[in-house]
Amino acid sequence: MGSLSIWHWAIVLFVFWPLAAAITVVPVWQILKRVGIAGWLSLLSVIPIVGLVALWVMAFSAWPNDKH
């Protein structure tokens, strides 16, 4: 078993990463729209640490559509 060639990395970079990003961003965008938060913030979900921190901030903050 040798190391991965440049073609393997190119496939990962140009095929699988955008596919995984789209699979993540689209549902997060819809969720954010339903709770009244700007949908463009779903782009943060593809940045590993930033997406995780954003998830925690959104989970424990008051949402604009809260009825409290």
PDB file of N, CA and C in Angstrom:
ATOM      1  N   MET A   1       0.839  -1.175   0.000  1.00  0.00           N
ATOM      2  CA  MET A   1       0.000   0.000   0.000  1.00  0.00           C
ATOM      3  C   MET A   1       0.885   1.240   0.000  1.00  0.00           C
ATOM      4  N   GLY A   2       0.802   1.985  -1.070  1.00  0.00           N
ATOM      5  CA  GLY A   2       1.597   3.200  -1.184  1.00  0.00           C
ATOM      6  C   GLY A   2       0.831   4.408  -0.699  1.00  0.00           C
ATOM      7  N   SER A   3       1.464   5.532  -0.852  1.00  0.00           N
ATOM      8  CA  SER A   3       0.796   6.767  -0.446  1.00  0.00           C
ATOM      9  C   SER A   3      -0.195   7.190  -1.529  1.00  0.00           C
ATOM     10  N   LEU A   4      -1.083   8.075  -1.168  1.00  0.00           N
ATOM     11  CA  LEU A   4      -2.090   8.537  -2.108  1.00  0.00           C
ATOM     12  C   LEU A   4      -1.473   9.499  -3.114  1.00  0.00           C
ATOM     13  N   SER A   5      -1.878   9.369  -4.361  1.00  0.00           N
ATOM     14  CA  SER A   5      -1.353  10.241  -5.404  1.00  0.00           C
ATOM     15  C   SER A   5      -2.081  11.577  -5.398  1.00  0.00           C
ATOM     16  N   ILE A   6      -1.594  12.482  -6.216  1.00  0.00           N
ATOM     17  CA  ILE A   6      -2.219  13.802  -6.316  1.00  0.00           C
ATOM     18  C   ILE A   6      -3.638  13.689  -6.837  1.00  0.00           C
ATOM     19  N   TRP A   7      -3.936  12.679  -7.646  1.00  0.00           N
ATOM     20  CA  TRP A   7      -5.277  12.504  -8.202  1.00  0.00           C
ATOM     21  C   TRP A   7      -6.283  12.129  -7.121  1.00  0.00           C
ATOM     22  N   HIS A   8      -5.846  11.345  -6.163  1.00  0.00           N
ATOM     23  CA  HIS A   8      -6.739  11.012  -5.054  1.00  0.00           C
ATOM     24  C   HIS A   8      -7.116  12.263  -4.263  1.00  0.00           C
ATOM     25  N   TRP A   9      -6.141  13.105  -3.999  1.00  0.00           N
ATOM     26  CA  TRP A   9      -6.405  14.333  -3.263  1.00  0.00           C
ATOM     27  C   TRP A   9      -7.258  15.290  -4.084  1.00  0.00           C
ATOM     28  N   ALA A  10      -7.057  15.318  -5.404  1.00  0.00           N
ATOM     29  CA  ALA A  10      -7.863  16.180  -6.264  1.00  0.00           C
ATOM     30  C   ALA A  10      -9.323  15.743  -6.244  1.00  0.00           C
ATOM     31  N   ILE A  11      -9.573  14.437  -6.261  1.00  0.00           N
ATOM     32  CA  ILE A  11     -10.940  13.924  -6.205  1.00  0.00           C
ATOM     33  C   ILE A  11     -11.589  14.307  -4.878  1.00  0.00           C
ATOM     34  N   VAL A  12     -10.853  14.152  -3.797  1.00  0.00           N
ATOM     35  CA  VAL A  12     -11.387  14.525  -2.486  1.00  0.00           C
ATOM     36  C   VAL A  12     -11.685  16.016  -2.440  1.00  0.00           C
ATOM     37  N   LEU A  13     -10.775  16.823  -2.939  1.00  0.00           N
ATOM     38  CA  LEU A  13     -10.913  18.280  -2.859  1.00  0.00           C
ATOM     39  C   LEU A  13     -12.033  18.805  -3.739  1.00  0.00           C
ATOM     40  N   PHE A  14     -12.149  18.292  -4.955  1.00  0.00           N
ATOM     41  CA  PHE A  14     -13.085  18.869  -5.915  1.00  0.00           C
ATOM     42  C   PHE A  14     -14.404  18.118  -6.054  1.00  0.00           C
ATOM     43  N   VAL A  15     -14.511  16.914  -5.499  1.00  0.00           N
ATOM     44  CA  VAL A  15     -15.749  16.149  -5.615  1.00  0.00           C
ATOM     45  C   VAL A  15     -16.396  15.936  -4.253  1.00  0.00           C
ATOM     46  N   PHE A  16     -15.687  15.313  -3.350  1.00  0.00           N
ATOM     47  CA  PHE A  16     -16.293  14.936  -2.077  1.00  0.00           C
ATOM     48  C   PHE A  16     -16.474  16.100  -1.116  1.00  0.00           C
ATOM     49  N   TRP A  17     -15.527  17.025  -1.053  1.00  0.00           N
ATOM     50  CA  TRP A  17     -15.663  18.137  -0.128  1.00  0.00           C
ATOM     51  C   TRP A  17     -16.840  19.044  -0.495  1.00  0.00           C
ATOM     52  N   PRO A  18     -17.005  19.451  -1.755  1.00  0.00           N
ATOM     53  CA  PRO A  18     -18.188  20.270  -2.074  1.00  0.00           C
ATOM     54  C   PRO A  18     -19.503  19.517  -1.860  1.00  0.00           C
ATOM     55  N   LEU A  19     -19.507  18.219  -2.119  1.00  0.00           N
ATOM     56  CA  LEU A  19     -20.707  17.424  -1.886  1.00  0.00           C
ATOM     57  C   LEU A  19     -21.042  17.380  -0.399  1.00  0.00           C
ATOM     58  N   ALA A  20     -20.050  17.149   0.437  1.00  0.00           N
ATOM     59  CA  ALA A  20     -20.266  17.124   1.882  1.00  0.00           C
ATOM     60  C   ALA A  20     -20.679  18.503   2.390  1.00  0.00           C
ATOM     61  N   ALA A  21     -20.102  19.551   1.836  1.00  0.00           N
ATOM     62  CA  ALA A  21     -20.471  20.906   2.242  1.00  0.00           C
ATOM     63  C   ALA A  21     -21.922  21.200   1.878  1.00  0.00           C
ATOM     64  N   ALA A  22     -22.344  20.801   0.695  1.00  0.00           N
ATOM     65  CA  ALA A  22     -23.727  21.033   0.279  1.00  0.00           C
ATOM     66  C   ALA A  22     -24.699  20.232   1.137  1.00  0.00           C
ATOM     67  N   ILE A  23     -24.336  19.001   1.457  1.00  0.00           N
ATOM     68  CA  ILE A  23     -25.196  18.166   2.297  1.00  0.00           C
ATOM     69  C   ILE A  23     -25.337  18.772   3.692  1.00  0.00           C
ATOM     70  N   THR A  24     -24.350  19.495   4.137  1.00  0.00           N
ATOM     71  CA  THR A  24     -24.393  20.124   5.451  1.00  0.00           C
ATOM     72  C   THR A  24     -25.077  21.485   5.419  1.00  0.00           C
ATOM     73  N   VAL A  25     -24.735  22.317   4.447  1.00  0.00           N
ATOM     74  CA  VAL A  25     -25.196  23.709   4.424  1.00  0.00           C
ATOM     75  C   VAL A  25     -26.694  23.817   4.136  1.00  0.00           C
ATOM     76  N   VAL A  26     -27.211  23.028   3.216  1.00  0.00           N
ATOM     77  CA  VAL A  26     -28.618  23.174   2.816  1.00  0.00           C
ATOM     78  C   VAL A  26     -29.583  22.945   3.982  1.00  0.00           C
ATOM     79  N   PRO A  27     -29.480  21.846   4.739  1.00  0.00           N
ATOM     80  CA  PRO A  27     -30.420  21.698   5.857  1.00  0.00           C
ATOM     81  C   PRO A  27     -30.213  22.722   6.970  1.00  0.00           C
ATOM     82  N   VAL A  28     -28.968  23.090   7.223  1.00  0.00           N
ATOM     83  CA  VAL A  28     -28.707  24.093   8.259  1.00  0.00           C
ATOM     84  C   VAL A  28     -29.317  25.432   7.842  1.00  0.00           C
ATOM     85  N   TRP A  29     -29.225  25.770   6.551  1.00  0.00           N
ATOM     86  CA  TRP A  29     -29.822  27.005   6.032  1.00  0.00           C
ATOM     87  C   TRP A  29     -31.325  27.006   6.293  1.00  0.00           C
ATOM     88  N   GLN A  30     -31.991  25.895   6.014  1.00  0.00           N
ATOM     89  CA  GLN A  30     -33.438  25.796   6.208  1.00  0.00           C
ATOM     90  C   GLN A  30     -33.813  25.915   7.685  1.00  0.00           C
ATOM     91  N   ILE A  31     -33.042  25.289   8.547  1.00  0.00           N
ATOM     92  CA  ILE A  31     -33.303  25.375   9.982  1.00  0.00           C
ATOM     93  C   ILE A  31     -33.153  26.813  10.467  1.00  0.00           C
ATOM     94  N   LEU A  32     -32.097  27.477  10.038  1.00  0.00           N
ATOM     95  CA  LEU A  32     -31.872  28.854  10.466  1.00  0.00           C
ATOM     96  C   LEU A  32     -32.977  29.781   9.972  1.00  0.00           C
ATOM     97  N   LYS A  33     -33.454  29.573   8.756  1.00  0.00           N
ATOM     98  CA  LYS A  33     -34.549  30.388   8.243  1.00  0.00           C
ATOM     99  C   LYS A  33     -35.812  30.201   9.077  1.00  0.00           C
ATOM    100  N   ARG A  34     -36.084  28.978   9.510  1.00  0.00           N
ATOM    101  CA  ARG A  34     -37.298  28.714  10.292  1.00  0.00           C
ATOM    102  C   ARG A  34     -37.260  29.360  11.670  1.00  0.00           C
ATOM    103  N   VAL A  35     -36.065  29.494  12.233  1.00  0.00           N
ATOM    104  CA  VAL A  35     -35.985  30.085  13.572  1.00  0.00           C
ATOM    105  C   VAL A  35     -35.735  31.585  13.522  1.00  0.00           C
ATOM    106  N   GLY A  36     -35.648  32.154  12.322  1.00  0.00           N
ATOM    107  CA  GLY A  36     -35.511  33.595  12.192  1.00  0.00           C
ATOM    108  C   GLY A  36     -34.100  34.118  12.224  1.00  0.00           C
ATOM    109  N   ILE A  37     -33.141  33.281  11.964  1.00  0.00           N
ATOM    110  CA  ILE A  37     -31.729  33.694  11.915  1.00  0.00           C
ATOM    111  C   ILE A  37     -31.310  33.717  10.451  1.00  0.00           C
ATOM    112  N   ALA A  38     -30.430  34.627  10.079  1.00  0.00           N
ATOM    113  CA  ALA A  38     -29.986  34.763   8.694  1.00  0.00           C
ATOM    114  C   ALA A  38     -29.415  33.439   8.180  1.00  0.00           C
ATOM    115  N   GLY A  39     -29.922  33.004   7.032  1.00  0.00           N
ATOM    116  CA  GLY A  39     -29.518  31.717   6.472  1.00  0.00           C
ATOM    117  C   GLY A  39     -28.066  31.640   6.063  1.00  0.00           C
ATOM    118  N   TRP A  40     -27.470  32.775   5.697  1.00  0.00           N
ATOM    119  CA  TRP A  40     -26.084  32.749   5.246  1.00  0.00           C
ATOM    120  C   TRP A  40     -25.135  32.277   6.351  1.00  0.00           C
ATOM    121  N   LEU A  41     -25.580  32.336   7.598  1.00  0.00           N
ATOM    122  CA  LEU A  41     -24.738  31.858   8.693  1.00  0.00           C
ATOM    123  C   LEU A  41     -24.512  30.348   8.624  1.00  0.00           C
ATOM    124  N   SER A  42     -25.307  29.652   7.806  1.00  0.00           N
ATOM    125  CA  SER A  42     -25.108  28.212   7.644  1.00  0.00           C
ATOM    126  C   SER A  42     -23.776  27.905   6.968  1.00  0.00           C
ATOM    127  N   LEU A  43     -23.192  28.877   6.296  1.00  0.00           N
ATOM    128  CA  LEU A  43     -21.879  28.662   5.685  1.00  0.00           C
ATOM    129  C   LEU A  43     -20.808  28.412   6.738  1.00  0.00           C
ATOM    130  N   LEU A  44     -21.061  28.853   7.958  1.00  0.00           N
ATOM    131  CA  LEU A  44     -20.112  28.593   9.042  1.00  0.00           C
ATOM    132  C   LEU A  44     -20.053  27.116   9.416  1.00  0.00           C
ATOM    133  N   SER A  45     -21.066  26.366   9.041  1.00  0.00           N
ATOM    134  CA  SER A  45     -21.116  24.953   9.426  1.00  0.00           C
ATOM    135  C   SER A  45     -20.059  24.110   8.734  1.00  0.00           C
ATOM    136  N   VAL A  46     -19.442  24.603   7.676  1.00  0.00           N
ATOM    137  CA  VAL A  46     -18.411  23.817   6.993  1.00  0.00           C
ATOM    138  C   VAL A  46     -17.017  24.071   7.557  1.00  0.00           C
ATOM    139  N   ILE A  47     -16.874  25.058   8.425  1.00  0.00           N
ATOM    140  CA  ILE A  47     -15.597  25.319   9.084  1.00  0.00           C
ATOM    141  C   ILE A  47     -15.641  24.580  10.419  1.00  0.00           C
ATOM    142  N   PRO A  48     -14.786  23.577  10.610  1.00  0.00           N
ATOM    143  CA  PRO A  48     -14.957  22.664  11.745  1.00  0.00           C
ATOM    144  C   PRO A  48     -15.140  23.311  13.113  1.00  0.00           C
ATOM    145  N   ILE A  49     -14.220  24.060  13.606  1.00  0.00           N
ATOM    146  CA  ILE A  49     -14.329  24.615  14.952  1.00  0.00           C
ATOM    147  C   ILE A  49     -15.362  25.732  14.992  1.00  0.00           C
ATOM    148  N   VAL A  50     -15.397  26.584  13.978  1.00  0.00           N
ATOM    149  CA  VAL A  50     -16.337  27.695  13.935  1.00  0.00           C
ATOM    150  C   VAL A  50     -17.769  27.176  13.887  1.00  0.00           C
ATOM    151  N   GLY A  51     -18.013  26.138  13.099  1.00  0.00           N
ATOM    152  CA  GLY A  51     -19.347  25.559  13.020  1.00  0.00           C
ATOM    153  C   GLY A  51     -19.805  24.979  14.336  1.00  0.00           C
ATOM    154  N   LEU A  52     -18.909  24.346  15.045  1.00  0.00           N
ATOM    155  CA  LEU A  52     -19.254  23.763  16.342  1.00  0.00           C
ATOM    156  C   LEU A  52     -19.548  24.852  17.370  1.00  0.00           C
ATOM    157  N   VAL A  53     -18.738  25.890  17.396  1.00  0.00           N
ATOM    158  CA  VAL A  53     -18.977  27.005  18.319  1.00  0.00           C
ATOM    159  C   VAL A  53     -20.289  27.701  17.969  1.00  0.00           C
ATOM    160  N   ALA A  54     -20.552  27.909  16.676  1.00  0.00           N
ATOM    161  CA  ALA A  54     -21.799  28.546  16.257  1.00  0.00           C
ATOM    162  C   ALA A  54     -23.005  27.711  16.667  1.00  0.00           C
ATOM    163  N   LEU A  55     -22.887  26.402  16.574  1.00  0.00           N
ATOM    164  CA  LEU A  55     -23.978  25.523  16.986  1.00  0.00           C
ATOM    165  C   LEU A  55     -24.275  25.692  18.469  1.00  0.00           C
ATOM    166  N   TRP A  56     -23.253  25.750  19.296  1.00  0.00           N
ATOM    167  CA  TRP A  56     -23.444  25.922  20.735  1.00  0.00           C
ATOM    168  C   TRP A  56     -24.026  27.294  21.057  1.00  0.00           C
ATOM    169  N   VAL A  57     -23.553  28.324  20.371  1.00  0.00           N
ATOM    170  CA  VAL A  57     -24.073  29.674  20.608  1.00  0.00           C
ATOM    171  C   VAL A  57     -25.548  29.735  20.240  1.00  0.00           C
ATOM    172  N   MET A  58     -25.913  29.167  19.090  1.00  0.00           N
ATOM    173  CA  MET A  58     -27.314  29.197  18.669  1.00  0.00           C
ATOM    174  C   MET A  58     -28.201  28.351  19.571  1.00  0.00           C
ATOM    175  N   ALA A  59     -27.668  27.267  20.094  1.00  0.00           N
ATOM    176  CA  ALA A  59     -28.472  26.381  20.937  1.00  0.00           C
ATOM    177  C   ALA A  59     -28.858  27.046  22.257  1.00  0.00           C
ATOM    178  N   PHE A  60     -27.998  27.885  22.792  1.00  0.00           N
ATOM    179  CA  PHE A  60     -28.243  28.447  24.109  1.00  0.00           C
ATOM    180  C   PHE A  60     -28.564  29.941  24.103  1.00  0.00           C
ATOM    181  N   SER A  61     -28.776  30.520  22.919  1.00  0.00           N
ATOM    182  CA  SER A  61     -29.155  31.925  22.868  1.00  0.00           C
ATOM    183  C   SER A  61     -30.656  32.043  22.591  1.00  0.00           C
ATOM    184  N   ALA A  62     -31.191  33.215  22.834  1.00  0.00           N
ATOM    185  CA  ALA A  62     -32.611  33.454  22.557  1.00  0.00           C
ATOM    186  C   ALA A  62     -32.781  33.630  21.053  1.00  0.00           C
ATOM    187  N   TRP A  63     -33.742  32.927  20.478  1.00  0.00           N
ATOM    188  CA  TRP A  63     -33.998  33.014  19.049  1.00  0.00           C
ATOM    189  C   TRP A  63     -35.059  34.071  18.787  1.00  0.00           C
ATOM    190  N   PRO A  64     -34.994  34.718  17.634  1.00  0.00           N
ATOM    191  CA  PRO A  64     -35.981  35.768  17.338  1.00  0.00           C
ATOM    192  C   PRO A  64     -37.424  35.286  17.320  1.00  0.00           C
ATOM    193  N   ASN A  65     -37.676  34.037  17.039  1.00  0.00           N
ATOM    194  CA  ASN A  65     -39.041  33.517  16.980  1.00  0.00           C
ATOM    195  C   ASN A  65     -39.508  32.913  18.294  1.00  0.00           C
ATOM    196  N   ASP A  66     -38.726  33.032  19.359  1.00  0.00           N
ATOM    197  CA  ASP A  66     -39.158  32.510  20.669  1.00  0.00           C
ATOM    198  C   ASP A  66     -40.381  33.265  21.152  1.00  0.00           C
ATOM    199  N   LYS A  67     -41.302  32.549  21.761  1.00  0.00           N
ATOM    200  CA  LYS A  67     -42.537  33.144  22.262  1.00  0.00           C
ATOM    201  C   LYS A  67     -42.469  33.459  23.760  1.00  0.00           C
ATOM    202  N   HIS A  68     -41.315  33.461  24.359  1.00  0.00           N
ATOM    203  CA  HIS A  68     -41.167  33.662  25.806  1.00  0.00           C
ATOM    204  C   HIS A  68     -41.320  35.098  26.175  1.00  0.00           C
TER     205      HIS A  68
END
